[in-house]
Amino acid sequence: MDKQKRALYYYLANQEEINEGHLGEYVGIYDNHIIGYYKDRFQGVMDMVHKGYERGTFNVSLCRPSGEPEVFMGFIPVTGEDVWI
């Protein structure tokens, strides 16, 4: 499994704990560690890259209540290596 998927699975497995006090914010995760919380996805991705994390090795997820899917007008949001910087 690649690092970006592993970071997403870590978020989903620990969603309630990670989201505590941060609903509506974005969380940057690398290697099963929370790197930071951000006001928007772009800020999160840029901060992760500036901290030296390679694109495709991390994930930036929206903190939503457990069980609530993340939907953006019918398309899948992209993070990490899929973001054009």
C-alpha atoms as a PDB file:
ATOM      1  CA  MET A   1       0.000   0.000   0.000  1.00  0.00           C
ATOM      2  CA  ASP A   2       1.372   3.423  -0.861  1.00  0.00           C
ATOM      3  CA  LYS A   3       1.985   6.061   1.815  1.00  0.00           C
ATOM      4  CA  GLN A   4      -0.843   8.349   0.720  1.00  0.00           C
ATOM      5  CA  LYS A   5      -3.439   5.575   1.008  1.00  0.00           C
ATOM      6  CA  ARG A   6      -1.989   4.469   4.329  1.00  0.00           C
ATOM      7  CA  ALA A   7      -2.362   8.037   5.642  1.00  0.00           C
ATOM      8  CA  LEU A   8      -6.016   8.093   4.548  1.00  0.00           C
ATOM      9  CA  TYR A   9      -6.707   4.718   6.174  1.00  0.00           C
ATOM     10  CA  TYR A  10      -5.060   5.963   9.379  1.00  0.00           C
ATOM     11  CA  TYR A  11      -7.415   8.959   9.337  1.00  0.00           C
ATOM     12  CA  LEU A  12     -10.486   6.780   8.772  1.00  0.00           C
ATOM     13  CA  ALA A  13      -9.477   4.305  11.494  1.00  0.00           C
ATOM     14  CA  ASN A  14      -8.893   7.113  14.027  1.00  0.00           C
ATOM     15  CA  GLN A  15     -11.385   9.668  12.729  1.00  0.00           C
ATOM     16  CA  GLU A  16     -13.220  10.452  15.961  1.00  0.00           C
ATOM     17  CA  GLU A  17     -10.027  11.047  17.931  1.00  0.00           C
ATOM     18  CA  ILE A  18      -8.365  13.063  15.141  1.00  0.00           C
ATOM     19  CA  ASN A  19     -11.473  15.221  14.600  1.00  0.00           C
ATOM     20  CA  GLU A  20     -11.991  16.081  18.272  1.00  0.00           C
ATOM     21  CA  GLY A  21     -12.178  19.875  18.401  1.00  0.00           C
ATOM     22  CA  HIS A  22     -11.320  20.217  14.694  1.00  0.00           C
ATOM     23  CA  LEU A  23     -14.548  19.586  12.736  1.00  0.00           C
ATOM     24  CA  GLY A  24     -14.539  21.640   9.552  1.00  0.00           C
ATOM     25  CA  GLU A  25     -10.738  21.926   9.496  1.00  0.00           C
ATOM     26  CA  TYR A  26      -8.325  19.872   7.400  1.00  0.00           C
ATOM     27  CA  VAL A  27      -5.763  17.500   8.884  1.00  0.00           C
ATOM     28  CA  GLY A  28      -2.399  16.673   7.330  1.00  0.00           C
ATOM     29  CA  ILE A  29      -1.220  13.115   8.009  1.00  0.00           C
ATOM     30  CA  TYR A  30       2.101  11.473   7.180  1.00  0.00           C
ATOM     31  CA  ASP A  31       3.306   8.026   8.271  1.00  0.00           C
ATOM     32  CA  ASN A  32       0.446   7.621  10.788  1.00  0.00           C
ATOM     33  CA  HIS A  33       1.240  10.971  12.431  1.00  0.00           C
ATOM     34  CA  ILE A  34      -0.789  14.167  12.477  1.00  0.00           C
ATOM     35  CA  ILE A  35       1.411  16.916  11.087  1.00  0.00           C
ATOM     36  CA  GLY A  36      -1.051  19.776  11.462  1.00  0.00           C
ATOM     37  CA  TYR A  37      -4.549  21.184  11.144  1.00  0.00           C
ATOM     38  CA  TYR A  38      -5.430  23.763   8.502  1.00  0.00           C
ATOM     39  CA  LYS A  39      -8.266  26.089   7.544  1.00  0.00           C
ATOM     40  CA  ASP A  40      -8.389  24.821   3.939  1.00  0.00           C
ATOM     41  CA  ARG A  41      -7.042  21.946   1.841  1.00  0.00           C
ATOM     42  CA  PHE A  42      -4.701  24.120  -0.243  1.00  0.00           C
ATOM     43  CA  GLN A  43      -3.044  25.549   2.870  1.00  0.00           C
ATOM     44  CA  GLY A  44      -2.602  22.015   4.203  1.00  0.00           C
ATOM     45  CA  VAL A  45      -1.046  20.660   1.019  1.00  0.00           C
ATOM     46  CA  MET A  46       1.280  23.659   0.684  1.00  0.00           C
ATOM     47  CA  ASP A  47       2.412  23.380   4.310  1.00  0.00           C
ATOM     48  CA  MET A  48       3.108  19.668   3.961  1.00  0.00           C
ATOM     49  CA  VAL A  49       5.186  20.259   0.816  1.00  0.00           C
ATOM     50  CA  HIS A  50       7.047  23.172   2.435  1.00  0.00           C
ATOM     51  CA  LYS A  51       7.862  20.955   5.422  1.00  0.00           C
ATOM     52  CA  GLY A  52       9.584  18.550   3.026  1.00  0.00           C
ATOM     53  CA  TYR A  53       6.963  15.825   2.626  1.00  0.00           C
ATOM     54  CA  GLU A  54       6.968  14.521  -0.928  1.00  0.00           C
ATOM     55  CA  ARG A  55       3.738  14.664  -2.889  1.00  0.00           C
ATOM     56  CA  GLY A  56       2.054  11.280  -2.825  1.00  0.00           C
ATOM     57  CA  THR A  57       3.353  10.397   0.651  1.00  0.00           C
ATOM     58  CA  PHE A  58       0.776  12.264   2.732  1.00  0.00           C
ATOM     59  CA  ASN A  59      -2.923  12.994   2.872  1.00  0.00           C
ATOM     60  CA  VAL A  60      -4.932  16.098   3.740  1.00  0.00           C
ATOM     61  CA  SER A  61      -8.476  15.231   4.838  1.00  0.00           C
ATOM     62  CA  LEU A  62     -11.471  17.298   5.848  1.00  0.00           C
ATOM     63  CA  CYS A  63     -12.443  16.621   9.462  1.00  0.00           C
ATOM     64  CA  ARG A  64     -16.069  15.474   9.170  1.00  0.00           C
ATOM     65  CA  PRO A  65     -18.233  13.566  11.606  1.00  0.00           C
ATOM     66  CA  SER A  66     -17.571   9.823  11.521  1.00  0.00           C
ATOM     67  CA  GLY A  67     -19.715   8.084   8.921  1.00  0.00           C
ATOM     68  CA  GLU A  68     -20.417  11.254   6.929  1.00  0.00           C
ATOM     69  CA  PRO A  69     -18.941  10.939   3.412  1.00  0.00           C
ATOM     70  CA  GLU A  70     -16.914  13.690   1.805  1.00  0.00           C
ATOM     71  CA  VAL A  71     -18.677  14.684  -1.413  1.00  0.00           C
ATOM     72  CA  PHE A  72     -17.829  17.578  -3.708  1.00  0.00           C
ATOM     73  CA  MET A  73     -20.448  17.926  -6.476  1.00  0.00           C
ATOM     74  CA  GLY A  74     -19.944  14.389  -7.734  1.00  0.00           C
ATOM     75  CA  PHE A  75     -16.181  14.241  -8.117  1.00  0.00           C
ATOM     76  CA  ILE A  76     -13.464  12.911  -5.846  1.00  0.00           C
ATOM     77  CA  PRO A  77     -11.241  15.546  -4.163  1.00  0.00           C
ATOM     78  CA  VAL A  78      -7.521  15.103  -4.805  1.00  0.00           C
ATOM     79  CA  THR A  79      -4.652  15.522  -2.369  1.00  0.00           C
ATOM     80  CA  GLY A  80      -0.945  14.845  -2.181  1.00  0.00           C
ATOM     81  CA  GLU A  81       0.694  13.899  -5.481  1.00  0.00           C
ATOM     82  CA  ASP A  82      -2.481  14.602  -7.453  1.00  0.00           C
ATOM     83  CA  VAL A  83      -2.461  18.300  -6.604  1.00  0.00           C
ATOM     84  CA  TRP A  84      -0.802  20.564  -9.138  1.00  0.00           C
ATOM     85  CA  ILE A  85       1.691  22.815  -7.407  1.00  0.00           C
END
